[in-house]
Amino acid sequence: MSTLTEAAETLATLKGIPTKEELIKLLKENVVEVTFTKLNGDERIMPCTLKEDLLPPAKKDEPLTQKKVREISNAVVAVWAIESNAFRSFRYDRVKSIKVLDK
């Protein structure tokens, strides 16, 4: 196991949240409430998902709606925000808690 993977698992364990890979798997199967700290310091609670049946149809002019959601950065998770009906992203290292809302 690489040191980077071990560090990510340790961070997840300390925060009591899934690893980034586990979080993405949860998002692909469920609607998940993610609580995180925004870059400006505000806390945000965002119901979101990556379930295919809840994502909008792909559009050529909007890269995030493509079948494969592109990784903007290894630190960022791009998701479909349920309340705003738009793609949003958050930094994984700023996630405070995760709660599965809909299986």
PDB file of N, CA and C in Angstrom:
ATOM      1  N   MET A   1       0.856  -1.182   0.000  1.00  0.00           N
ATOM      2  CA  MET A   1       0.000   0.000   0.000  1.00  0.00           C
ATOM      3  C   MET A   1       0.895   1.236   0.000  1.00  0.00           C
ATOM      4  N   SER A   2       0.580   2.214  -0.824  1.00  0.00           N
ATOM      5  CA  SER A   2       1.403   3.407  -0.910  1.00  0.00           C
ATOM      6  C   SER A   2       1.186   4.297   0.313  1.00  0.00           C
ATOM      7  N   THR A   3       2.165   5.141   0.564  1.00  0.00           N
ATOM      8  CA  THR A   3       2.082   6.070   1.688  1.00  0.00           C
ATOM      9  C   THR A   3       0.912   7.025   1.515  1.00  0.00           C
ATOM     10  N   LEU A   4       0.668   7.446   0.265  1.00  0.00           N
ATOM     11  CA  LEU A   4      -0.450   8.352  -0.014  1.00  0.00           C
ATOM     12  C   LEU A   4      -1.783   7.693   0.325  1.00  0.00           C
ATOM     13  N   THR A   5      -1.945   6.428  -0.057  1.00  0.00           N
ATOM     14  CA  THR A   5      -3.171   5.693   0.243  1.00  0.00           C
ATOM     15  C   THR A   5      -3.327   5.523   1.752  1.00  0.00           C
ATOM     16  N   GLU A   6      -2.236   5.202   2.428  1.00  0.00           N
ATOM     17  CA  GLU A   6      -2.284   5.040   3.885  1.00  0.00           C
ATOM     18  C   GLU A   6      -2.670   6.359   4.552  1.00  0.00           C
ATOM     19  N   ALA A   7      -2.123   7.465   4.067  1.00  0.00           N
ATOM     20  CA  ALA A   7      -2.444   8.782   4.631  1.00  0.00           C
ATOM     21  C   ALA A   7      -3.927   9.095   4.434  1.00  0.00           C
ATOM     22  N   ALA A   8      -4.459   8.784   3.246  1.00  0.00           N
ATOM     23  CA  ALA A   8      -5.882   9.030   2.969  1.00  0.00           C
ATOM     24  C   ALA A   8      -6.764   8.187   3.883  1.00  0.00           C
ATOM     25  N   GLU A   9      -6.392   6.933   4.081  1.00  0.00           N
ATOM     26  CA  GLU A   9      -7.174   6.060   4.961  1.00  0.00           C
ATOM     27  C   GLU A   9      -7.103   6.536   6.406  1.00  0.00           C
ATOM     28  N   THR A  10      -5.937   7.005   6.840  1.00  0.00           N
ATOM     29  CA  THR A  10      -5.782   7.519   8.203  1.00  0.00           C
ATOM     30  C   THR A  10      -6.648   8.760   8.390  1.00  0.00           C
ATOM     31  N   LEU A  11      -6.623   9.671   7.413  1.00  0.00           N
ATOM     32  CA  LEU A  11      -7.452  10.880   7.479  1.00  0.00           C
ATOM     33  C   LEU A  11      -8.923  10.514   7.581  1.00  0.00           C
ATOM     34  N   ALA A  12      -9.375   9.583   6.750  1.00  0.00           N
ATOM     35  CA  ALA A  12     -10.770   9.153   6.771  1.00  0.00           C
ATOM     36  C   ALA A  12     -11.133   8.556   8.125  1.00  0.00           C
ATOM     37  N   THR A  13     -10.257   7.723   8.656  1.00  0.00           N
ATOM     38  CA  THR A  13     -10.506   7.092   9.954  1.00  0.00           C
ATOM     39  C   THR A  13     -10.589   8.137  11.062  1.00  0.00           C
ATOM     40  N   LEU A  14      -9.660   9.076  11.061  1.00  0.00           N
ATOM     41  CA  LEU A  14      -9.657  10.117  12.094  1.00  0.00           C
ATOM     42  C   LEU A  14     -10.919  10.977  12.045  1.00  0.00           C
ATOM     43  N   LYS A  15     -11.407  11.269  10.843  1.00  0.00           N
ATOM     44  CA  LYS A  15     -12.601  12.093  10.691  1.00  0.00           C
ATOM     45  C   LYS A  15     -13.886  11.284  10.808  1.00  0.00           C
ATOM     46  N   GLY A  16     -13.778   9.960  10.762  1.00  0.00           N
ATOM     47  CA  GLY A  16     -14.973   9.122  10.827  1.00  0.00           C
ATOM     48  C   GLY A  16     -15.787   9.162   9.556  1.00  0.00           C
ATOM     49  N   ILE A  17     -15.109   9.324   8.413  1.00  0.00           N
ATOM     50  CA  ILE A  17     -15.781   9.377   7.115  1.00  0.00           C
ATOM     51  C   ILE A  17     -15.191   8.303   6.206  1.00  0.00           C
ATOM     52  N   PRO A  18     -15.896   7.957   5.128  1.00  0.00           N
ATOM     53  CA  PRO A  18     -15.341   6.994   4.174  1.00  0.00           C
ATOM     54  C   PRO A  18     -14.131   7.594   3.449  1.00  0.00           C
ATOM     55  N   THR A  19     -13.279   6.745   2.903  1.00  0.00           N
ATOM     56  CA  THR A  19     -12.195   7.234   2.055  1.00  0.00           C
ATOM     57  C   THR A  19     -12.828   7.878   0.822  1.00  0.00           C
ATOM     58  N   LYS A  20     -12.051   8.605   0.062  1.00  0.00           N
ATOM     59  CA  LYS A  20     -12.589   9.269  -1.133  1.00  0.00           C
ATOM     60  C   LYS A  20     -13.174   8.238  -2.093  1.00  0.00           C
ATOM     61  N   GLU A  21     -12.487   7.122  -2.275  1.00  0.00           N
ATOM     62  CA  GLU A  21     -12.977   6.065  -3.173  1.00  0.00           C
ATOM     63  C   GLU A  21     -14.292   5.485  -2.665  1.00  0.00           C
ATOM     64  N   GLU A  22     -14.383   5.256  -1.352  1.00  0.00           N
ATOM     65  CA  GLU A  22     -15.621   4.739  -0.761  1.00  0.00           C
ATOM     66  C   GLU A  22     -16.750   5.760  -0.892  1.00  0.00           C
ATOM     67  N   LEU A  23     -16.426   7.050  -0.736  1.00  0.00           N
ATOM     68  CA  LEU A  23     -17.422   8.113  -0.874  1.00  0.00           C
ATOM     69  C   LEU A  23     -17.971   8.147  -2.297  1.00  0.00           C
ATOM     70  N   ILE A  24     -17.101   8.056  -3.284  1.00  0.00           N
ATOM     71  CA  ILE A  24     -17.546   8.068  -4.682  1.00  0.00           C
ATOM     72  C   ILE A  24     -18.441   6.867  -4.963  1.00  0.00           C
ATOM     73  N   LYS A  25     -18.095   5.706  -4.406  1.00  0.00           N
ATOM     74  CA  LYS A  25     -18.933   4.515  -4.576  1.00  0.00           C
ATOM     75  C   LYS A  25     -20.317   4.757  -3.945  1.00  0.00           C
ATOM     76  N   LEU A  26     -20.344   5.330  -2.740  1.00  0.00           N
ATOM     77  CA  LEU A  26     -21.622   5.657  -2.081  1.00  0.00           C
ATOM     78  C   LEU A  26     -22.441   6.620  -2.934  1.00  0.00           C
ATOM     79  N   LEU A  27     -21.783   7.632  -3.502  1.00  0.00           N
ATOM     80  CA  LEU A  27     -22.474   8.629  -4.322  1.00  0.00           C
ATOM     81  C   LEU A  27     -23.046   8.018  -5.591  1.00  0.00           C
ATOM     82  N   LYS A  28     -22.381   7.006  -6.147  1.00  0.00           N
ATOM     83  CA  LYS A  28     -22.868   6.356  -7.361  1.00  0.00           C
ATOM     84  C   LYS A  28     -24.069   5.466  -7.093  1.00  0.00           C
ATOM     85  N   GLU A  29     -24.294   5.121  -5.815  1.00  0.00           N
ATOM     86  CA  GLU A  29     -25.372   4.204  -5.459  1.00  0.00           C
ATOM     87  C   GLU A  29     -26.487   4.861  -4.648  1.00  0.00           C
ATOM     88  N   ASN A  30     -26.256   6.075  -4.123  1.00  0.00           N
ATOM     89  CA  ASN A  30     -27.190   6.690  -3.182  1.00  0.00           C
ATOM     90  C   ASN A  30     -27.243   8.203  -3.336  1.00  0.00           C
ATOM     91  N   VAL A  31     -28.224   8.807  -2.661  1.00  0.00           N
ATOM     92  CA  VAL A  31     -28.200  10.236  -2.411  1.00  0.00           C
ATOM     93  C   VAL A  31     -27.541  10.388  -1.044  1.00  0.00           C
ATOM     94  N   VAL A  32     -26.527  11.240  -0.974  1.00  0.00           N
ATOM     95  CA  VAL A  32     -25.716  11.366   0.233  1.00  0.00           C
ATOM     96  C   VAL A  32     -25.696  12.824   0.685  1.00  0.00           C
ATOM     97  N   GLU A  33     -25.854  13.035   1.994  1.00  0.00           N
ATOM     98  CA  GLU A  33     -25.723  14.376   2.550  1.00  0.00           C
ATOM     99  C   GLU A  33     -24.274  14.555   2.977  1.00  0.00           C
ATOM    100  N   VAL A  34     -23.586  15.492   2.327  1.00  0.00           N
ATOM    101  CA  VAL A  34     -22.186  15.752   2.625  1.00  0.00           C
ATOM    102  C   VAL A  34     -22.095  17.088   3.342  1.00  0.00           C
ATOM    103  N   THR A  35     -21.487  17.096   4.510  1.00  0.00           N
ATOM    104  CA  THR A  35     -21.240  18.333   5.249  1.00  0.00           C
ATOM    105  C   THR A  35     -19.759  18.644   5.103  1.00  0.00           C
ATOM    106  N   PHE A  36     -19.465  19.852   4.640  1.00  0.00           N
ATOM    107  CA  PHE A  36     -18.070  20.224   4.420  1.00  0.00           C
ATOM    108  C   PHE A  36     -17.877  21.710   4.694  1.00  0.00           C
ATOM    109  N   THR A  37     -16.624  22.106   4.817  1.00  0.00           N
ATOM    110  CA  THR A  37     -16.280  23.499   5.014  1.00  0.00           C
ATOM    111  C   THR A  37     -15.896  24.082   3.660  1.00  0.00           C
ATOM    112  N   LYS A  38     -16.602  25.144   3.258  1.00  0.00           N
ATOM    113  CA  LYS A  38     -16.304  25.804   1.994  1.00  0.00           C
ATOM    114  C   LYS A  38     -14.976  26.547   2.107  1.00  0.00           C
ATOM    115  N   LEU A  39     -14.394  26.907   0.975  1.00  0.00           N
ATOM    116  CA  LEU A  39     -13.108  27.595   0.975  1.00  0.00           C
ATOM    117  C   LEU A  39     -13.157  28.911   1.747  1.00  0.00           C
ATOM    118  N   ASN A  40     -14.342  29.547   1.812  1.00  0.00           N
ATOM    119  CA  ASN A  40     -14.461  30.810   2.551  1.00  0.00           C
ATOM    120  C   ASN A  40     -14.677  30.596   4.051  1.00  0.00           C
ATOM    121  N   GLY A  41     -14.708  29.318   4.487  1.00  0.00           N
ATOM    122  CA  GLY A  41     -14.856  29.004   5.907  1.00  0.00           C
ATOM    123  C   GLY A  41     -16.271  28.657   6.331  1.00  0.00           C
ATOM    124  N   ASP A  42     -17.267  28.936   5.483  1.00  0.00           N
ATOM    125  CA  ASP A  42     -18.651  28.592   5.802  1.00  0.00           C
ATOM    126  C   ASP A  42     -18.847  27.080   5.753  1.00  0.00           C
ATOM    127  N   GLU A  43     -19.763  26.597   6.603  1.00  0.00           N
ATOM    128  CA  GLU A  43     -20.120  25.180   6.545  1.00  0.00           C
ATOM    129  C   GLU A  43     -21.281  25.005   5.578  1.00  0.00           C
ATOM    130  N   ARG A  44     -21.241  23.947   4.791  1.00  0.00           N
ATOM    131  CA  ARG A  44     -22.312  23.672   3.823  1.00  0.00           C
ATOM    132  C   ARG A  44     -22.778  22.245   4.008  1.00  0.00           C
ATOM    133  N   ILE A  45     -24.072  22.045   3.999  1.00  0.00           N
ATOM    134  CA  ILE A  45     -24.673  20.711   4.014  1.00  0.00           C
ATOM    135  C   ILE A  45     -25.336  20.547   2.658  1.00  0.00           C
ATOM    136  N   MET A  46     -24.858  19.560   1.871  1.00  0.00           N
ATOM    137  CA  MET A  46     -25.323  19.425   0.500  1.00  0.00           C
ATOM    138  C   MET A  46     -25.769  17.998   0.195  1.00  0.00           C
ATOM    139  N   PRO A  47     -27.077  17.794  -0.040  1.00  0.00           N
ATOM    140  CA  PRO A  47     -27.532  16.501  -0.552  1.00  0.00           C
ATOM    141  C   PRO A  47     -27.054  16.381  -2.008  1.00  0.00           C
ATOM    142  N   CYS A  48     -26.377  15.294  -2.323  1.00  0.00           N
ATOM    143  CA  CYS A  48     -25.820  15.150  -3.662  1.00  0.00           C
ATOM    144  C   CYS A  48     -25.726  13.677  -4.046  1.00  0.00           C
ATOM    145  N   THR A  49     -25.406  13.442  -5.320  1.00  0.00           N
ATOM    146  CA  THR A  49     -25.347  12.066  -5.821  1.00  0.00           C
ATOM    147  C   THR A  49     -24.508  12.002  -7.087  1.00  0.00           C
ATOM    148  N   LEU A  50     -24.209  10.780  -7.484  1.00  0.00           N
ATOM    149  CA  LEU A  50     -23.644  10.473  -8.799  1.00  0.00           C
ATOM    150  C   LEU A  50     -24.423   9.319  -9.423  1.00  0.00           C
ATOM    151  N   LYS A  51     -25.654   9.065  -8.890  1.00  0.00           N
ATOM    152  CA  LYS A  51     -26.499   8.002  -9.448  1.00  0.00           C
ATOM    153  C   LYS A  51     -26.879   8.361 -10.877  1.00  0.00           C
ATOM    154  N   GLU A  52     -26.629   7.456 -11.796  1.00  0.00           N
ATOM    155  CA  GLU A  52     -26.884   7.734 -13.218  1.00  0.00           C
ATOM    156  C   GLU A  52     -28.321   8.151 -13.493  1.00  0.00           C
ATOM    157  N   ASP A  53     -29.291   7.514 -12.819  1.00  0.00           N
ATOM    158  CA  ASP A  53     -30.692   7.835 -13.109  1.00  0.00           C
ATOM    159  C   ASP A  53     -31.109   9.215 -12.593  1.00  0.00           C
ATOM    160  N   LEU A  54     -30.281   9.863 -11.777  1.00  0.00           N
ATOM    161  CA  LEU A  54     -30.592  11.199 -11.270  1.00  0.00           C
ATOM    162  C   LEU A  54     -29.769  12.292 -11.955  1.00  0.00           C
ATOM    163  N   LEU A  55     -28.772  11.897 -12.755  1.00  0.00           N
ATOM    164  CA  LEU A  55     -27.942  12.875 -13.461  1.00  0.00           C
ATOM    165  C   LEU A  55     -28.653  13.346 -14.720  1.00  0.00           C
ATOM    166  N   PRO A  56     -28.385  14.579 -15.146  1.00  0.00           N
ATOM    167  CA  PRO A  56     -29.011  15.075 -16.379  1.00  0.00           C
ATOM    168  C   PRO A  56     -28.403  14.376 -17.594  1.00  0.00           C
ATOM    169  N   PRO A  57     -29.099  14.401 -18.727  1.00  0.00           N
ATOM    170  CA  PRO A  57     -28.516  13.820 -19.933  1.00  0.00           C
ATOM    171  C   PRO A  57     -27.255  14.586 -20.325  1.00  0.00           C
ATOM    172  N   ALA A  58     -26.304  13.886 -20.912  1.00  0.00           N
ATOM    173  CA  ALA A  58     -25.039  14.505 -21.303  1.00  0.00           C
ATOM    174  C   ALA A  58     -25.255  15.536 -22.400  1.00  0.00           C
ATOM    175  N   LYS A  59     -24.531  16.633 -22.290  1.00  0.00           N
ATOM    176  CA  LYS A  59     -24.553  17.682 -23.311  1.00  0.00           C
ATOM    177  C   LYS A  59     -23.114  17.896 -23.760  1.00  0.00           C
ATOM    178  N   LYS A  60     -22.918  18.062 -25.055  1.00  0.00           N
ATOM    179  CA  LYS A  60     -21.562  18.258 -25.564  1.00  0.00           C
ATOM    180  C   LYS A  60     -20.919  19.534 -25.033  1.00  0.00           C
ATOM    181  N   ASP A  61     -21.714  20.569 -24.801  1.00  0.00           N
ATOM    182  CA  ASP A  61     -21.149  21.849 -24.369  1.00  0.00           C
ATOM    183  C   ASP A  61     -20.932  21.949 -22.854  1.00  0.00           C
ATOM    184  N   GLU A  62     -21.299  20.920 -22.109  1.00  0.00           N
ATOM    185  CA  GLU A  62     -21.105  20.938 -20.656  1.00  0.00           C
ATOM    186  C   GLU A  62     -20.358  19.679 -20.239  1.00  0.00           C
ATOM    187  N   PRO A  63     -19.033  19.771 -20.104  1.00  0.00           N
ATOM    188  CA  PRO A  63     -18.207  18.586 -19.862  1.00  0.00           C
ATOM    189  C   PRO A  63     -18.595  17.776 -18.621  1.00  0.00           C
ATOM    190  N   LEU A  64     -19.092  18.430 -17.569  1.00  0.00           N
ATOM    191  CA  LEU A  64     -19.413  17.682 -16.347  1.00  0.00           C
ATOM    192  C   LEU A  64     -20.615  16.768 -16.507  1.00  0.00           C
ATOM    193  N   THR A  65     -21.433  16.959 -17.525  1.00  0.00           N
ATOM    194  CA  THR A  65     -22.577  16.077 -17.707  1.00  0.00           C
ATOM    195  C   THR A  65     -22.233  14.868 -18.577  1.00  0.00           C
ATOM    196  N   GLN A  66     -21.004  14.760 -19.008  1.00  0.00           N
ATOM    197  CA  GLN A  66     -20.609  13.594 -19.797  1.00  0.00           C
ATOM    198  C   GLN A  66     -20.760  12.333 -18.959  1.00  0.00           C
ATOM    199  N   LYS A  67     -20.854  11.187 -19.615  1.00  0.00           N
ATOM    200  CA  LYS A  67     -21.043   9.904 -18.936  1.00  0.00           C
ATOM    201  C   LYS A  67     -20.035   9.729 -17.799  1.00  0.00           C
ATOM    202  N   LYS A  68     -18.767  10.023 -18.086  1.00  0.00           N
ATOM    203  CA  LYS A  68     -17.749   9.953 -17.039  1.00  0.00           C
ATOM    204  C   LYS A  68     -17.525  11.361 -16.514  1.00  0.00           C
ATOM    205  N   VAL A  69     -17.761  11.563 -15.226  1.00  0.00           N
ATOM    206  CA  VAL A  69     -17.509  12.874 -14.641  1.00  0.00           C
ATOM    207  C   VAL A  69     -15.997  13.035 -14.546  1.00  0.00           C
ATOM    208  N   ARG A  70     -15.480  14.063 -15.219  1.00  0.00           N
ATOM    209  CA  ARG A  70     -14.040  14.275 -15.229  1.00  0.00           C
ATOM    210  C   ARG A  70     -13.560  14.698 -13.857  1.00  0.00           C
ATOM    211  N   GLU A  71     -12.375  14.228 -13.503  1.00  0.00           N
ATOM    212  CA  GLU A  71     -11.784  14.678 -12.254  1.00  0.00           C
ATOM    213  C   GLU A  71     -11.123  16.015 -12.496  1.00  0.00           C
ATOM    214  N   ILE A  72     -11.581  17.015 -11.808  1.00  0.00           N
ATOM    215  CA  ILE A  72     -11.018  18.351 -11.929  1.00  0.00           C
ATOM    216  C   ILE A  72      -9.657  18.356 -11.238  1.00  0.00           C
ATOM    217  N   SER A  73      -9.564  17.673 -10.154  1.00  0.00           N
ATOM    218  CA  SER A  73      -8.345  17.575  -9.368  1.00  0.00           C
ATOM    219  C   SER A  73      -8.505  16.369  -8.460  1.00  0.00           C
ATOM    220  N   ASN A  74      -7.407  15.780  -8.046  1.00  0.00           N
ATOM    221  CA  ASN A  74      -7.499  14.652  -7.114  1.00  0.00           C
ATOM    222  C   ASN A  74      -8.125  15.071  -5.788  1.00  0.00           C
ATOM    223  N   ALA A  75      -8.014  16.345  -5.439  1.00  0.00           N
ATOM    224  CA  ALA A  75      -8.523  16.830  -4.156  1.00  0.00           C
ATOM    225  C   ALA A  75     -10.014  17.149  -4.201  1.00  0.00           C
ATOM    226  N   VAL A  76     -10.584  17.241  -5.403  1.00  0.00           N
ATOM    227  CA  VAL A  76     -11.960  17.707  -5.562  1.00  0.00           C
ATOM    228  C   VAL A  76     -12.888  16.564  -5.976  1.00  0.00           C
ATOM    229  N   VAL A  77     -14.107  16.566  -5.415  1.00  0.00           N
ATOM    230  CA  VAL A  77     -15.135  15.599  -5.797  1.00  0.00           C
ATOM    231  C   VAL A  77     -16.254  16.389  -6.480  1.00  0.00           C
ATOM    232  N   ALA A  78     -16.535  16.065  -7.741  1.00  0.00           N
ATOM    233  CA  ALA A  78     -17.630  16.711  -8.475  1.00  0.00           C
ATOM    234  C   ALA A  78     -18.875  15.841  -8.339  1.00  0.00           C
ATOM    235  N   VAL A  79     -20.005  16.474  -7.987  1.00  0.00           N
ATOM    236  CA  VAL A  79     -21.256  15.747  -7.728  1.00  0.00           C
ATOM    237  C   VAL A  79     -22.438  16.507  -8.308  1.00  0.00           C
ATOM    238  N   TRP A  80     -23.587  15.827  -8.400  1.00  0.00           N
ATOM    239  CA  TRP A  80     -24.842  16.471  -8.779  1.00  0.00           C
ATOM    240  C   TRP A  80     -25.523  16.908  -7.486  1.00  0.00           C
ATOM    241  N   ALA A  81     -25.681  18.225  -7.287  1.00  0.00           N
ATOM    242  CA  ALA A  81     -26.337  18.766  -6.090  1.00  0.00           C
ATOM    243  C   ALA A  81     -27.844  18.697  -6.298  1.00  0.00           C
ATOM    244  N   ILE A  82     -28.526  17.959  -5.443  1.00  0.00           N
ATOM    245  CA  ILE A  82     -29.962  17.710  -5.574  1.00  0.00           C
ATOM    246  C   ILE A  82     -30.766  19.014  -5.496  1.00  0.00           C
ATOM    247  N   GLU A  83     -30.482  19.866  -4.504  1.00  0.00           N
ATOM    248  CA  GLU A  83     -31.290  21.067  -4.284  1.00  0.00           C
ATOM    249  C   GLU A  83     -31.111  22.120  -5.372  1.00  0.00           C
ATOM    250  N   SER A  84     -29.905  22.261  -5.907  1.00  0.00           N
ATOM    251  CA  SER A  84     -29.681  23.298  -6.921  1.00  0.00           C
ATOM    252  C   SER A  84     -29.782  22.759  -8.348  1.00  0.00           C
ATOM    253  N   ASN A  85     -29.979  21.427  -8.493  1.00  0.00           N
ATOM    254  CA  ASN A  85     -30.060  20.810  -9.822  1.00  0.00           C
ATOM    255  C   ASN A  85     -28.909  21.235 -10.719  1.00  0.00           C
ATOM    256  N   ALA A  86     -27.708  21.140 -10.177  1.00  0.00           N
ATOM    257  CA  ALA A  86     -26.511  21.537 -10.922  1.00  0.00           C
ATOM    258  C   ALA A  86     -25.310  20.782 -10.372  1.00  0.00           C
ATOM    259  N   PHE A  87     -24.268  20.703 -11.178  1.00  0.00           N
ATOM    260  CA  PHE A  87     -23.042  20.106 -10.685  1.00  0.00           C
ATOM    261  C   PHE A  87     -22.358  21.080  -9.742  1.00  0.00           C
ATOM    262  N   ARG A  88     -21.864  20.548  -8.645  1.00  0.00           N
ATOM    263  CA  ARG A  88     -21.095  21.297  -7.660  1.00  0.00           C
ATOM    264  C   ARG A  88     -19.901  20.435  -7.285  1.00  0.00           C
ATOM    265  N   SER A  89     -18.942  21.027  -6.625  1.00  0.00           N
ATOM    266  CA  SER A  89     -17.793  20.245  -6.175  1.00  0.00           C
ATOM    267  C   SER A  89     -17.376  20.702  -4.788  1.00  0.00           C
ATOM    268  N   PHE A  90     -16.645  19.835  -4.118  1.00  0.00           N
ATOM    269  CA  PHE A  90     -16.107  20.152  -2.803  1.00  0.00           C
ATOM    270  C   PHE A  90     -14.763  19.450  -2.671  1.00  0.00           C
ATOM    271  N   ARG A  91     -13.939  19.976  -1.805  1.00  0.00           N
ATOM    272  CA  ARG A  91     -12.639  19.361  -1.547  1.00  0.00           C
ATOM    273  C   ARG A  91     -12.838  18.234  -0.536  1.00  0.00           C
ATOM    274  N   TYR A  92     -12.330  17.057  -0.866  1.00  0.00           N
ATOM    275  CA  TYR A  92     -12.494  15.906   0.024  1.00  0.00           C
ATOM    276  C   TYR A  92     -11.895  16.184   1.401  1.00  0.00           C
ATOM    277  N   ASP A  93     -10.757  16.865   1.442  1.00  0.00           N
ATOM    278  CA  ASP A  93     -10.097  17.097   2.733  1.00  0.00           C
ATOM    279  C   ASP A  93     -10.868  18.060   3.637  1.00  0.00           C
ATOM    280  N   ARG A  94     -11.931  18.683   3.116  1.00  0.00           N
ATOM    281  CA  ARG A  94     -12.759  19.586   3.913  1.00  0.00           C
ATOM    282  C   ARG A  94     -14.084  18.952   4.340  1.00  0.00           C
ATOM    283  N   VAL A  95     -14.285  17.676   4.010  1.00  0.00           N
ATOM    284  CA  VAL A  95     -15.512  16.970   4.392  1.00  0.00           C
ATOM    285  C   VAL A  95     -15.494  16.722   5.900  1.00  0.00           C
ATOM    286  N   LYS A  96     -16.618  17.049   6.544  1.00  0.00           N
ATOM    287  CA  LYS A  96     -16.737  16.849   7.986  1.00  0.00           C
ATOM    288  C   LYS A  96     -17.555  15.608   8.322  1.00  0.00           C
ATOM    289  N   SER A  97     -18.625  15.363   7.531  1.00  0.00           N
ATOM    290  CA  SER A  97     -19.454  14.189   7.793  1.00  0.00           C
ATOM    291  C   SER A  97     -20.203  13.783   6.535  1.00  0.00           C
ATOM    292  N   ILE A  98     -20.640  12.526   6.545  1.00  0.00           N
ATOM    293  CA  ILE A  98     -21.360  11.924   5.422  1.00  0.00           C
ATOM    294  C   ILE A  98     -22.556  11.186   5.996  1.00  0.00           C
ATOM    295  N   LYS A  99     -23.721  11.359   5.347  1.00  0.00           N
ATOM    296  CA  LYS A  99     -24.902  10.615   5.765  1.00  0.00           C
ATOM    297  C   LYS A  99     -25.665  10.163   4.515  1.00  0.00           C
ATOM    298  N   VAL A 100     -25.909   8.852   4.400  1.00  0.00           N
ATOM    299  CA  VAL A 100     -26.672   8.335   3.270  1.00  0.00           C
ATOM    300  C   VAL A 100     -28.145   8.664   3.503  1.00  0.00           C
ATOM    301  N   LEU A 101     -28.772   9.359   2.538  1.00  0.00           N
ATOM    302  CA  LEU A 101     -30.173   9.762   2.660  1.00  0.00           C
ATOM    303  C   LEU A 101     -31.114   8.796   1.981  1.00  0.00           C
ATOM    304  N   ASP A 102     -30.709   8.260   0.833  1.00  0.00           N
ATOM    305  CA  ASP A 102     -31.601   7.444   0.022  1.00  0.00           C
ATOM    306  C   ASP A 102     -30.812   6.326  -0.618  1.00  0.00           C
ATOM    307  N   LYS A 103     -31.164   5.087  -0.274  1.00  0.00           N
ATOM    308  CA  LYS A 103     -30.439   3.944  -0.853  1.00  0.00           C
ATOM    309  C   LYS A 103     -31.123   3.473  -2.098  1.00  0.00           C
TER     310      LYS A 103
END
